[in-house]
Amino acid sequence: MVAVDARERIIVAAERLIAERGVDVPLRDIAVAAGQRNNSAVQYHFGSRDGLIHAVADYRIADMERRRLELLAEIETGGGDPYDVHALLSALVLPMLTVPYEHGATHYARFLDQVRTHPALAADDNLDSAQRAAVRLIITRLDRALRDIPEPLRRRRLRSLPTVLFALLADHERGATDATDRADELVDLLAGMLTAPVRRSI
């Protein structure tokens, strides 16, 4: 039980310090912030900096994925279009604006923005993870919903989605505006980016 508690304290400390200082923050600083006397505590629990970043990225996924699956089910049981871009983006975004903070997060979005190019988040094979089934379904449906856009451009837009989303979420977290109002605004911005008219040949 002690080991589990220590591991979680390190994850929470890492989320905050990476958000504030970037991915190169010294591991010993994270250990100290987590109340660990041993400077090797991070290596003991996570093996490496990369292992720690993976663990922090995964830490809040399960709760958000459950909420996303609920929102996707609500679309279908309510007679909505399962390929509606705004509805799909709402299912993606709303849990990110609410769920982590219901569980005590303070720096979650800023952490994501700092590590968005790290393999823990950037690698395509992350979508194949069982932990990200809802995200995978949303992206697959968005791809189909945008099928009128030429494929190369569609792929670029979908690859840009996390970059834009994480930056906007980080800005929201810094400003502490109302989550519900912000969700509608974020969804509109992201939908506009994805569905913008094609103005030149691809």
N, C-alpha and C. Protein backbone atom coordinates (compact mmCIF):
# COMPACT_ATOMS: atom_id res chain seq x y z
N MET A 1 0.83 -1.21 0.00
CA MET A 1 0.00 0.00 0.00
C MET A 1 0.86 1.25 0.00
N VAL A 2 1.95 1.25 0.77
CA VAL A 2 2.85 2.40 0.82
C VAL A 2 3.42 2.69 -0.56
N ALA A 3 3.82 1.62 -1.28
CA ALA A 3 4.41 1.79 -2.61
C ALA A 3 3.42 2.43 -3.56
N VAL A 4 2.15 2.01 -3.50
CA VAL A 4 1.12 2.58 -4.37
C VAL A 4 0.93 4.05 -4.05
N ASP A 5 0.86 4.39 -2.76
CA ASP A 5 0.70 5.79 -2.37
C ASP A 5 1.87 6.64 -2.85
N ALA A 6 3.08 6.14 -2.69
CA ALA A 6 4.26 6.87 -3.12
C ALA A 6 4.23 7.08 -4.63
N ARG A 7 3.85 6.05 -5.36
CA ARG A 7 3.78 6.13 -6.82
C ARG A 7 2.79 7.22 -7.25
N GLU A 8 1.65 7.25 -6.61
CA GLU A 8 0.64 8.25 -6.96
C GLU A 8 1.11 9.65 -6.61
N ARG A 9 1.76 9.80 -5.47
CA ARG A 9 2.28 11.12 -5.10
C ARG A 9 3.31 11.62 -6.12
N ILE A 10 4.13 10.72 -6.62
CA ILE A 10 5.12 11.10 -7.64
C ILE A 10 4.41 11.53 -8.92
N ILE A 11 3.39 10.80 -9.31
CA ILE A 11 2.64 11.14 -10.53
C ILE A 11 2.04 12.54 -10.41
N VAL A 12 1.40 12.81 -9.29
CA VAL A 12 0.76 14.11 -9.10
C VAL A 12 1.81 15.23 -9.07
N ALA A 13 2.93 14.99 -8.40
CA ALA A 13 4.00 16.00 -8.36
C ALA A 13 4.58 16.22 -9.75
N ALA A 14 4.76 15.14 -10.50
CA ALA A 14 5.31 15.26 -11.85
C ALA A 14 4.36 16.02 -12.76
N GLU A 15 3.09 15.77 -12.65
CA GLU A 15 2.11 16.50 -13.47
C GLU A 15 2.26 18.01 -13.25
N ARG A 16 2.37 18.40 -11.98
CA ARG A 16 2.47 19.83 -11.66
C ARG A 16 3.81 20.42 -12.11
N LEU A 17 4.92 19.75 -11.78
CA LEU A 17 6.23 20.32 -12.09
C LEU A 17 6.52 20.33 -13.59
N ILE A 18 6.10 19.29 -14.29
CA ILE A 18 6.29 19.30 -15.75
C ILE A 18 5.43 20.39 -16.37
N ALA A 19 4.22 20.59 -15.86
CA ALA A 19 3.36 21.67 -16.36
C ALA A 19 4.02 23.03 -16.16
N GLU A 20 4.66 23.21 -15.02
CA GLU A 20 5.25 24.51 -14.69
C GLU A 20 6.62 24.72 -15.31
N ARG A 21 7.42 23.63 -15.43
CA ARG A 21 8.84 23.80 -15.78
C ARG A 21 9.27 23.03 -17.02
N GLY A 22 8.39 22.24 -17.59
CA GLY A 22 8.74 21.50 -18.80
C GLY A 22 9.21 20.09 -18.53
N VAL A 23 9.39 19.32 -19.60
CA VAL A 23 9.69 17.90 -19.46
C VAL A 23 11.08 17.63 -18.90
N ASP A 24 11.97 18.62 -18.93
CA ASP A 24 13.33 18.41 -18.45
C ASP A 24 13.52 18.74 -16.98
N VAL A 25 12.42 18.97 -16.25
CA VAL A 25 12.55 19.23 -14.82
C VAL A 25 13.32 18.08 -14.18
N PRO A 26 14.29 18.37 -13.30
CA PRO A 26 15.07 17.28 -12.68
C PRO A 26 14.18 16.28 -11.93
N LEU A 27 14.47 15.02 -12.13
CA LEU A 27 13.68 13.98 -11.46
C LEU A 27 13.80 14.07 -9.95
N ARG A 28 14.96 14.52 -9.46
CA ARG A 28 15.12 14.66 -8.02
C ARG A 28 14.17 15.73 -7.47
N ASP A 29 13.89 16.77 -8.25
CA ASP A 29 12.93 17.80 -7.82
C ASP A 29 11.53 17.21 -7.70
N ILE A 30 11.19 16.32 -8.64
CA ILE A 30 9.88 15.66 -8.58
C ILE A 30 9.80 14.78 -7.34
N ALA A 31 10.88 14.03 -7.06
CA ALA A 31 10.90 13.16 -5.89
C ALA A 31 10.73 13.97 -4.61
N VAL A 32 11.44 15.10 -4.52
CA VAL A 32 11.34 15.94 -3.32
C VAL A 32 9.92 16.49 -3.18
N ALA A 33 9.33 16.96 -4.30
CA ALA A 33 7.98 17.51 -4.26
C ALA A 33 6.96 16.45 -3.84
N ALA A 34 7.27 15.18 -4.14
CA ALA A 34 6.38 14.08 -3.78
C ALA A 34 6.65 13.56 -2.37
N GLY A 35 7.58 14.21 -1.65
CA GLY A 35 7.88 13.81 -0.28
C GLY A 35 8.74 12.57 -0.18
N GLN A 36 9.50 12.28 -1.24
CA GLN A 36 10.36 11.10 -1.25
C GLN A 36 11.79 11.48 -0.85
N ARG A 37 12.33 10.81 0.14
CA ARG A 37 13.69 11.12 0.58
C ARG A 37 14.74 10.55 -0.38
N ASN A 38 14.37 9.49 -1.06
CA ASN A 38 15.30 8.84 -1.98
C ASN A 38 15.22 9.51 -3.35
N ASN A 39 16.35 10.07 -3.82
CA ASN A 39 16.37 10.73 -5.12
C ASN A 39 16.15 9.76 -6.28
N SER A 40 16.27 8.48 -6.02
CA SER A 40 16.05 7.48 -7.06
C SER A 40 14.63 6.93 -7.07
N ALA A 41 13.73 7.57 -6.34
CA ALA A 41 12.36 7.06 -6.22
C ALA A 41 11.67 7.00 -7.58
N VAL A 42 11.94 7.99 -8.45
CA VAL A 42 11.29 7.99 -9.76
C VAL A 42 11.74 6.79 -10.58
N GLN A 43 13.06 6.56 -10.59
CA GLN A 43 13.57 5.40 -11.33
C GLN A 43 13.03 4.10 -10.75
N TYR A 44 12.91 4.03 -9.44
CA TYR A 44 12.41 2.81 -8.80
C TYR A 44 10.99 2.49 -9.25
N HIS A 45 10.12 3.50 -9.28
CA HIS A 45 8.71 3.27 -9.59
C HIS A 45 8.40 3.26 -11.09
N PHE A 46 9.19 4.03 -11.89
CA PHE A 46 8.82 4.22 -13.30
C PHE A 46 9.92 3.85 -14.28
N GLY A 47 11.10 3.59 -13.79
CA GLY A 47 12.19 3.15 -14.66
C GLY A 47 12.98 4.26 -15.31
N SER A 48 12.29 5.33 -15.74
CA SER A 48 12.96 6.40 -16.47
C SER A 48 12.03 7.61 -16.55
N ARG A 49 12.55 8.70 -17.08
CA ARG A 49 11.72 9.89 -17.32
C ARG A 49 10.57 9.56 -18.28
N ASP A 50 10.88 8.81 -19.34
CA ASP A 50 9.84 8.43 -20.29
C ASP A 50 8.75 7.60 -19.62
N GLY A 51 9.17 6.67 -18.77
CA GLY A 51 8.19 5.85 -18.05
C GLY A 51 7.30 6.69 -17.16
N LEU A 52 7.88 7.70 -16.52
CA LEU A 52 7.10 8.60 -15.68
C LEU A 52 6.09 9.39 -16.50
N ILE A 53 6.53 9.93 -17.64
CA ILE A 53 5.62 10.72 -18.48
C ILE A 53 4.47 9.85 -18.97
N HIS A 54 4.78 8.61 -19.37
CA HIS A 54 3.71 7.68 -19.76
C HIS A 54 2.72 7.49 -18.61
N ALA A 55 3.24 7.31 -17.41
CA ALA A 55 2.37 7.06 -16.25
C ALA A 55 1.49 8.27 -15.95
N VAL A 56 2.06 9.46 -16.03
CA VAL A 56 1.27 10.66 -15.77
C VAL A 56 0.20 10.83 -16.85
N ALA A 57 0.56 10.58 -18.11
CA ALA A 57 -0.40 10.70 -19.20
C ALA A 57 -1.55 9.71 -19.03
N ASP A 58 -1.25 8.53 -18.50
CA ASP A 58 -2.27 7.49 -18.33
C ASP A 58 -3.09 7.66 -17.06
N TYR A 59 -2.61 8.47 -16.13
CA TYR A 59 -3.17 8.52 -14.78
C TYR A 59 -4.65 8.88 -14.76
N ARG A 60 -5.05 9.81 -15.60
CA ARG A 60 -6.44 10.29 -15.56
C ARG A 60 -7.28 9.76 -16.74
N ILE A 61 -6.69 8.91 -17.57
CA ILE A 61 -7.35 8.45 -18.78
C ILE A 61 -8.61 7.65 -18.49
N ALA A 62 -8.55 6.71 -17.56
CA ALA A 62 -9.66 5.79 -17.35
C ALA A 62 -10.97 6.52 -17.03
N ASP A 63 -10.91 7.50 -16.12
CA ASP A 63 -12.12 8.23 -15.75
C ASP A 63 -12.66 9.04 -16.93
N MET A 64 -11.77 9.65 -17.71
CA MET A 64 -12.23 10.42 -18.87
C MET A 64 -12.81 9.52 -19.94
N GLU A 65 -12.18 8.37 -20.15
CA GLU A 65 -12.68 7.45 -21.17
C GLU A 65 -14.08 6.93 -20.81
N ARG A 66 -14.31 6.66 -19.53
CA ARG A 66 -15.65 6.23 -19.12
C ARG A 66 -16.69 7.30 -19.44
N ARG A 67 -16.33 8.55 -19.15
CA ARG A 67 -17.27 9.65 -19.44
C ARG A 67 -17.48 9.80 -20.94
N ARG A 68 -16.43 9.66 -21.72
CA ARG A 68 -16.58 9.76 -23.17
C ARG A 68 -17.51 8.69 -23.71
N LEU A 69 -17.35 7.46 -23.23
CA LEU A 69 -18.22 6.38 -23.68
C LEU A 69 -19.68 6.66 -23.30
N GLU A 70 -19.89 7.24 -22.13
CA GLU A 70 -21.25 7.62 -21.74
C GLU A 70 -21.82 8.67 -22.68
N LEU A 71 -21.02 9.67 -23.03
CA LEU A 71 -21.48 10.72 -23.93
C LEU A 71 -21.76 10.18 -25.33
N LEU A 72 -20.92 9.28 -25.80
CA LEU A 72 -21.16 8.67 -27.11
C LEU A 72 -22.44 7.85 -27.09
N ALA A 73 -22.68 7.13 -26.00
CA ALA A 73 -23.91 6.34 -25.89
C ALA A 73 -25.13 7.26 -25.85
N GLU A 74 -25.01 8.40 -25.18
CA GLU A 74 -26.13 9.35 -25.11
C GLU A 74 -26.48 9.89 -26.49
N ILE A 75 -25.47 10.10 -27.32
CA ILE A 75 -25.74 10.56 -28.69
C ILE A 75 -26.62 9.56 -29.43
N GLU A 76 -26.25 8.30 -29.32
CA GLU A 76 -26.95 7.27 -30.08
C GLU A 76 -28.31 6.95 -29.49
N THR A 77 -28.40 6.82 -28.17
CA THR A 77 -29.70 6.51 -27.57
C THR A 77 -30.67 7.68 -27.67
N GLY A 78 -30.13 8.89 -27.81
CA GLY A 78 -30.98 10.05 -27.96
C GLY A 78 -31.38 10.33 -29.40
N GLY A 79 -31.01 9.44 -30.29
CA GLY A 79 -31.38 9.61 -31.70
C GLY A 79 -30.50 10.57 -32.46
N GLY A 80 -29.37 10.94 -31.88
CA GLY A 80 -28.46 11.86 -32.56
C GLY A 80 -27.65 11.18 -33.64
N ASP A 81 -27.00 11.99 -34.44
CA ASP A 81 -26.14 11.49 -35.52
C ASP A 81 -24.79 11.10 -34.92
N PRO A 82 -24.42 9.83 -34.98
CA PRO A 82 -23.14 9.41 -34.38
C PRO A 82 -21.93 9.96 -35.12
N TYR A 83 -22.15 10.62 -36.27
CA TYR A 83 -21.05 11.20 -37.03
C TYR A 83 -21.13 12.73 -37.08
N ASP A 84 -21.89 13.30 -36.15
CA ASP A 84 -21.96 14.75 -36.07
C ASP A 84 -20.67 15.29 -35.47
N VAL A 85 -20.01 16.18 -36.19
CA VAL A 85 -18.69 16.67 -35.78
C VAL A 85 -18.75 17.37 -34.42
N HIS A 86 -19.74 18.23 -34.23
CA HIS A 86 -19.84 18.95 -32.96
C HIS A 86 -20.08 17.99 -31.80
N ALA A 87 -20.94 17.00 -31.99
CA ALA A 87 -21.23 16.05 -30.92
C ALA A 87 -20.01 15.21 -30.58
N LEU A 88 -19.27 14.79 -31.60
CA LEU A 88 -18.06 13.99 -31.36
C LEU A 88 -17.01 14.81 -30.63
N LEU A 89 -16.83 16.05 -31.04
CA LEU A 89 -15.85 16.90 -30.37
C LEU A 89 -16.28 17.21 -28.94
N SER A 90 -17.57 17.36 -28.71
CA SER A 90 -18.06 17.56 -27.33
C SER A 90 -17.71 16.36 -26.46
N ALA A 91 -17.89 15.15 -27.01
CA ALA A 91 -17.56 13.94 -26.25
C ALA A 91 -16.06 13.86 -25.97
N LEU A 92 -15.25 14.41 -26.85
CA LEU A 92 -13.80 14.43 -26.65
C LEU A 92 -13.40 15.47 -25.62
N VAL A 93 -13.97 16.68 -25.75
CA VAL A 93 -13.49 17.84 -24.99
C VAL A 93 -14.08 17.94 -23.58
N LEU A 94 -15.38 17.74 -23.44
CA LEU A 94 -16.02 18.00 -22.16
C LEU A 94 -15.39 17.22 -21.00
N PRO A 95 -15.10 15.93 -21.17
CA PRO A 95 -14.45 15.22 -20.05
C PRO A 95 -13.08 15.80 -19.68
N MET A 96 -12.38 16.38 -20.63
CA MET A 96 -11.07 16.97 -20.34
C MET A 96 -11.20 18.26 -19.55
N LEU A 97 -12.35 18.92 -19.67
CA LEU A 97 -12.59 20.16 -18.95
C LEU A 97 -13.14 19.93 -17.55
N THR A 98 -13.62 18.74 -17.30
CA THR A 98 -14.31 18.51 -16.03
C THR A 98 -13.71 17.38 -15.20
N VAL A 99 -13.56 16.20 -15.78
CA VAL A 99 -13.23 15.00 -15.01
C VAL A 99 -11.93 15.14 -14.21
N PRO A 100 -10.82 15.59 -14.80
CA PRO A 100 -9.58 15.66 -13.99
C PRO A 100 -9.73 16.56 -12.77
N TYR A 101 -10.50 17.64 -12.92
CA TYR A 101 -10.60 18.62 -11.84
C TYR A 101 -11.56 18.15 -10.75
N GLU A 102 -12.47 17.24 -11.11
CA GLU A 102 -13.31 16.61 -10.10
C GLU A 102 -12.49 15.68 -9.21
N HIS A 103 -11.31 15.29 -9.70
CA HIS A 103 -10.43 14.38 -8.95
C HIS A 103 -9.17 15.09 -8.46
N GLY A 104 -9.24 16.41 -8.35
CA GLY A 104 -8.17 17.15 -7.70
C GLY A 104 -7.07 17.71 -8.59
N ALA A 105 -7.19 17.55 -9.90
CA ALA A 105 -6.15 18.08 -10.80
C ALA A 105 -6.11 19.60 -10.73
N THR A 106 -4.92 20.15 -10.89
CA THR A 106 -4.74 21.60 -10.98
C THR A 106 -3.90 21.99 -12.19
N HIS A 107 -3.11 21.05 -12.72
CA HIS A 107 -2.16 21.36 -13.79
C HIS A 107 -2.27 20.38 -14.96
N TYR A 108 -3.38 19.66 -15.05
CA TYR A 108 -3.50 18.60 -16.04
C TYR A 108 -3.33 19.10 -17.48
N ALA A 109 -4.07 20.13 -17.86
CA ALA A 109 -4.01 20.60 -19.25
C ALA A 109 -2.64 21.17 -19.59
N ARG A 110 -2.04 21.88 -18.65
CA ARG A 110 -0.71 22.44 -18.91
C ARG A 110 0.34 21.33 -19.03
N PHE A 111 0.15 20.24 -18.29
CA PHE A 111 1.03 19.08 -18.47
C PHE A 111 0.89 18.54 -19.89
N LEU A 112 -0.35 18.35 -20.36
CA LEU A 112 -0.56 17.84 -21.71
C LEU A 112 0.10 18.74 -22.75
N ASP A 113 -0.02 20.04 -22.56
CA ASP A 113 0.55 20.97 -23.52
C ASP A 113 2.07 20.86 -23.55
N GLN A 114 2.69 20.60 -22.40
CA GLN A 114 4.14 20.47 -22.33
C GLN A 114 4.63 19.18 -23.01
N VAL A 115 3.85 18.11 -22.91
CA VAL A 115 4.33 16.80 -23.39
C VAL A 115 3.66 16.35 -24.68
N ARG A 116 2.97 17.24 -25.37
CA ARG A 116 2.16 16.83 -26.53
C ARG A 116 2.96 16.16 -27.63
N THR A 117 4.26 16.44 -27.73
CA THR A 117 5.08 15.79 -28.76
C THR A 117 5.80 14.55 -28.24
N HIS A 118 5.63 14.25 -26.95
CA HIS A 118 6.27 13.07 -26.38
C HIS A 118 5.56 11.81 -26.85
N PRO A 119 6.29 10.71 -27.06
CA PRO A 119 5.65 9.46 -27.53
C PRO A 119 4.50 8.98 -26.66
N ALA A 120 4.47 9.38 -25.41
CA ALA A 120 3.36 8.98 -24.54
C ALA A 120 2.02 9.48 -25.07
N LEU A 121 2.07 10.56 -25.84
CA LEU A 121 0.85 11.13 -26.39
C LEU A 121 0.86 11.21 -27.91
N ALA A 122 2.04 11.37 -28.49
CA ALA A 122 2.11 11.67 -29.92
C ALA A 122 2.10 10.45 -30.82
N ALA A 123 2.53 9.31 -30.34
CA ALA A 123 2.64 8.13 -31.21
C ALA A 123 1.27 7.64 -31.63
N ASP A 124 1.13 7.33 -32.92
CA ASP A 124 -0.15 6.86 -33.44
C ASP A 124 -0.60 5.58 -32.76
N ASP A 125 0.34 4.72 -32.37
CA ASP A 125 -0.05 3.45 -31.78
C ASP A 125 -0.68 3.61 -30.40
N ASN A 126 -0.60 4.81 -29.83
CA ASN A 126 -1.29 5.03 -28.56
C ASN A 126 -2.80 4.90 -28.71
N LEU A 127 -3.31 5.22 -29.90
CA LEU A 127 -4.74 5.09 -30.13
C LEU A 127 -5.19 3.64 -30.12
N ASP A 128 -4.25 2.72 -30.34
CA ASP A 128 -4.60 1.30 -30.33
C ASP A 128 -4.70 0.73 -28.92
N SER A 129 -4.28 1.52 -27.94
CA SER A 129 -4.33 1.07 -26.56
C SER A 129 -5.77 0.87 -26.11
N ALA A 130 -6.00 -0.18 -25.33
CA ALA A 130 -7.34 -0.43 -24.78
C ALA A 130 -7.79 0.72 -23.89
N GLN A 131 -6.81 1.45 -23.31
CA GLN A 131 -7.15 2.58 -22.44
C GLN A 131 -7.76 3.75 -23.21
N ARG A 132 -7.59 3.78 -24.52
CA ARG A 132 -8.04 4.91 -25.31
C ARG A 132 -9.10 4.52 -26.35
N ALA A 133 -9.95 3.56 -25.97
CA ALA A 133 -10.96 3.06 -26.91
C ALA A 133 -11.93 4.16 -27.34
N ALA A 134 -12.34 5.02 -26.40
CA ALA A 134 -13.30 6.08 -26.74
C ALA A 134 -12.66 7.11 -27.66
N VAL A 135 -11.42 7.50 -27.35
CA VAL A 135 -10.73 8.46 -28.22
C VAL A 135 -10.57 7.88 -29.62
N ARG A 136 -10.21 6.61 -29.69
CA ARG A 136 -10.04 5.96 -31.00
C ARG A 136 -11.36 5.98 -31.78
N LEU A 137 -12.46 5.70 -31.11
CA LEU A 137 -13.76 5.70 -31.76
C LEU A 137 -14.13 7.10 -32.25
N ILE A 138 -13.85 8.10 -31.42
CA ILE A 138 -14.15 9.49 -31.82
C ILE A 138 -13.34 9.88 -33.05
N ILE A 139 -12.06 9.58 -33.05
CA ILE A 139 -11.21 9.95 -34.19
C ILE A 139 -11.65 9.20 -35.45
N THR A 140 -11.99 7.93 -35.31
CA THR A 140 -12.46 7.15 -36.45
C THR A 140 -13.74 7.74 -37.02
N ARG A 141 -14.64 8.14 -36.15
CA ARG A 141 -15.89 8.73 -36.63
C ARG A 141 -15.68 10.11 -37.21
N LEU A 142 -14.78 10.89 -36.63
CA LEU A 142 -14.46 12.19 -37.22
C LEU A 142 -13.87 12.01 -38.62
N ASP A 143 -13.02 11.04 -38.77
CA ASP A 143 -12.43 10.77 -40.09
C ASP A 143 -13.54 10.49 -41.11
N ARG A 144 -14.51 9.70 -40.72
CA ARG A 144 -15.62 9.42 -41.63
C ARG A 144 -16.49 10.65 -41.86
N ALA A 145 -16.73 11.41 -40.80
CA ALA A 145 -17.57 12.60 -40.93
C ALA A 145 -16.95 13.64 -41.86
N LEU A 146 -15.63 13.63 -41.96
CA LEU A 146 -14.92 14.61 -42.79
C LEU A 146 -14.52 14.05 -44.15
N ARG A 147 -15.18 12.97 -44.58
CA ARG A 147 -14.75 12.26 -45.79
C ARG A 147 -14.83 13.11 -47.06
N ASP A 148 -15.59 14.23 -47.05
CA ASP A 148 -15.64 15.10 -48.23
C ASP A 148 -14.37 15.93 -48.38
N ILE A 149 -13.55 15.97 -47.35
CA ILE A 149 -12.27 16.67 -47.42
C ILE A 149 -11.22 15.69 -47.95
N PRO A 150 -10.39 16.11 -48.90
CA PRO A 150 -9.38 15.20 -49.45
C PRO A 150 -8.55 14.55 -48.34
N GLU A 151 -8.24 13.28 -48.52
CA GLU A 151 -7.63 12.50 -47.44
C GLU A 151 -6.35 13.11 -46.89
N PRO A 152 -5.38 13.55 -47.72
CA PRO A 152 -4.15 14.11 -47.13
C PRO A 152 -4.44 15.29 -46.20
N LEU A 153 -5.35 16.16 -46.61
CA LEU A 153 -5.69 17.32 -45.78
C LEU A 153 -6.45 16.88 -44.53
N ARG A 154 -7.34 15.93 -44.70
CA ARG A 154 -8.11 15.42 -43.57
C ARG A 154 -7.17 14.84 -42.51
N ARG A 155 -6.20 14.07 -42.94
CA ARG A 155 -5.24 13.48 -42.00
C ARG A 155 -4.44 14.56 -41.28
N ARG A 156 -4.03 15.58 -42.02
CA ARG A 156 -3.26 16.66 -41.38
C ARG A 156 -4.10 17.39 -40.33
N ARG A 157 -5.35 17.63 -40.67
CA ARG A 157 -6.22 18.32 -39.71
C ARG A 157 -6.44 17.48 -38.46
N LEU A 158 -6.66 16.20 -38.62
CA LEU A 158 -6.86 15.33 -37.46
C LEU A 158 -5.58 15.20 -36.63
N ARG A 159 -4.42 15.21 -37.30
CA ARG A 159 -3.16 15.17 -36.55
C ARG A 159 -2.93 16.48 -35.80
N SER A 160 -3.47 17.58 -36.31
CA SER A 160 -3.31 18.87 -35.64
C SER A 160 -4.26 19.03 -34.46
N LEU A 161 -5.28 18.20 -34.42
CA LEU A 161 -6.31 18.35 -33.39
C LEU A 161 -5.75 18.32 -31.97
N PRO A 162 -4.90 17.35 -31.59
CA PRO A 162 -4.39 17.37 -30.21
C PRO A 162 -3.56 18.61 -29.89
N THR A 163 -2.75 19.06 -30.86
CA THR A 163 -1.92 20.25 -30.62
C THR A 163 -2.78 21.45 -30.28
N VAL A 164 -3.80 21.68 -31.09
CA VAL A 164 -4.68 22.83 -30.88
C VAL A 164 -5.50 22.64 -29.60
N LEU A 165 -6.03 21.45 -29.41
CA LEU A 165 -6.86 21.17 -28.23
C LEU A 165 -6.07 21.36 -26.94
N PHE A 166 -4.86 20.80 -26.87
CA PHE A 166 -4.08 20.91 -25.64
C PHE A 166 -3.72 22.36 -25.33
N ALA A 167 -3.39 23.12 -26.37
CA ALA A 167 -3.05 24.53 -26.16
C ALA A 167 -4.27 25.30 -25.64
N LEU A 168 -5.44 25.05 -26.21
CA LEU A 168 -6.64 25.75 -25.77
C LEU A 168 -7.04 25.34 -24.36
N LEU A 169 -6.89 24.05 -24.05
CA LEU A 169 -7.20 23.59 -22.69
C LEU A 169 -6.25 24.20 -21.66
N ALA A 170 -4.97 24.31 -22.04
CA ALA A 170 -3.99 24.91 -21.13
C ALA A 170 -4.33 26.38 -20.87
N ASP A 171 -4.74 27.09 -21.92
CA ASP A 171 -5.15 28.49 -21.74
C ASP A 171 -6.36 28.58 -20.82
N HIS A 172 -7.30 27.67 -21.00
CA HIS A 172 -8.48 27.65 -20.13
C HIS A 172 -8.08 27.40 -18.68
N GLU A 173 -7.18 26.46 -18.47
CA GLU A 173 -6.77 26.11 -17.11
C GLU A 173 -6.11 27.30 -16.43
N ARG A 174 -5.34 28.05 -17.17
CA ARG A 174 -4.70 29.24 -16.58
C ARG A 174 -5.73 30.30 -16.21
N GLY A 175 -6.82 30.39 -17.00
CA GLY A 175 -7.79 31.45 -16.79
C GLY A 175 -8.93 31.09 -15.88
N ALA A 176 -9.17 29.79 -15.65
CA ALA A 176 -10.22 29.33 -14.75
C ALA A 176 -11.59 29.90 -15.11
N THR A 177 -11.94 29.88 -16.42
CA THR A 177 -13.27 30.32 -16.84
C THR A 177 -14.26 29.17 -16.66
N ASP A 178 -15.54 29.48 -16.85
CA ASP A 178 -16.57 28.46 -16.66
C ASP A 178 -16.39 27.31 -17.64
N ALA A 179 -16.36 26.09 -17.13
CA ALA A 179 -16.05 24.92 -17.96
C ALA A 179 -17.11 24.67 -19.02
N THR A 180 -18.39 24.81 -18.68
CA THR A 180 -19.45 24.50 -19.64
C THR A 180 -19.44 25.49 -20.79
N ASP A 181 -19.38 26.80 -20.48
CA ASP A 181 -19.33 27.80 -21.54
C ASP A 181 -18.08 27.61 -22.39
N ARG A 182 -16.98 27.30 -21.77
CA ARG A 182 -15.73 27.12 -22.48
C ARG A 182 -15.80 25.90 -23.40
N ALA A 183 -16.50 24.86 -22.99
CA ALA A 183 -16.62 23.67 -23.82
C ALA A 183 -17.27 24.01 -25.15
N ASP A 184 -18.37 24.77 -25.12
CA ASP A 184 -19.05 25.14 -26.35
C ASP A 184 -18.13 25.94 -27.27
N GLU A 185 -17.40 26.87 -26.68
CA GLU A 185 -16.47 27.70 -27.47
C GLU A 185 -15.35 26.85 -28.07
N LEU A 186 -14.78 25.96 -27.27
CA LEU A 186 -13.70 25.10 -27.76
C LEU A 186 -14.20 24.20 -28.89
N VAL A 187 -15.37 23.62 -28.71
CA VAL A 187 -15.92 22.73 -29.74
C VAL A 187 -16.13 23.50 -31.04
N ASP A 188 -16.66 24.72 -30.94
CA ASP A 188 -16.86 25.52 -32.15
C ASP A 188 -15.54 25.82 -32.85
N LEU A 189 -14.52 26.16 -32.07
CA LEU A 189 -13.21 26.46 -32.66
C LEU A 189 -12.63 25.22 -33.35
N LEU A 190 -12.69 24.09 -32.68
CA LEU A 190 -12.12 22.86 -33.24
C LEU A 190 -12.92 22.40 -34.46
N ALA A 191 -14.23 22.51 -34.39
CA ALA A 191 -15.05 22.13 -35.54
C ALA A 191 -14.75 23.02 -36.74
N GLY A 192 -14.56 24.30 -36.48
CA GLY A 192 -14.21 25.21 -37.57
C GLY A 192 -12.89 24.84 -38.23
N MET A 193 -11.92 24.45 -37.39
CA MET A 193 -10.62 24.03 -37.93
C MET A 193 -10.75 22.78 -38.80
N LEU A 194 -11.51 21.80 -38.32
CA LEU A 194 -11.63 20.53 -39.02
C LEU A 194 -12.46 20.64 -40.30
N THR A 195 -13.46 21.50 -40.30
CA THR A 195 -14.40 21.54 -41.42
C THR A 195 -14.20 22.75 -42.33
N ALA A 196 -13.13 23.51 -42.10
CA ALA A 196 -12.88 24.68 -42.94
C ALA A 196 -12.88 24.31 -44.43
N PRO A 197 -13.43 25.17 -45.27
CA PRO A 197 -13.48 24.88 -46.72
C PRO A 197 -12.06 24.68 -47.27
N VAL A 198 -11.97 23.81 -48.25
CA VAL A 198 -10.70 23.58 -48.93
C VAL A 198 -10.55 24.64 -50.01
N ARG A 199 -9.50 25.44 -49.91
CA ARG A 199 -9.36 26.59 -50.80
C ARG A 199 -8.31 26.41 -51.88
N ARG A 200 -7.67 25.25 -51.90
CA ARG A 200 -6.72 24.98 -52.98
C ARG A 200 -6.66 23.49 -53.21
N SER A 201 -6.18 23.10 -54.38
CA SER A 201 -6.09 21.68 -54.68
C SER A 201 -5.02 21.03 -53.81
N ILE A 202 -5.25 19.78 -53.44
CA ILE A 202 -4.32 19.05 -52.57
C ILE A 202 -3.45 18.12 -53.41
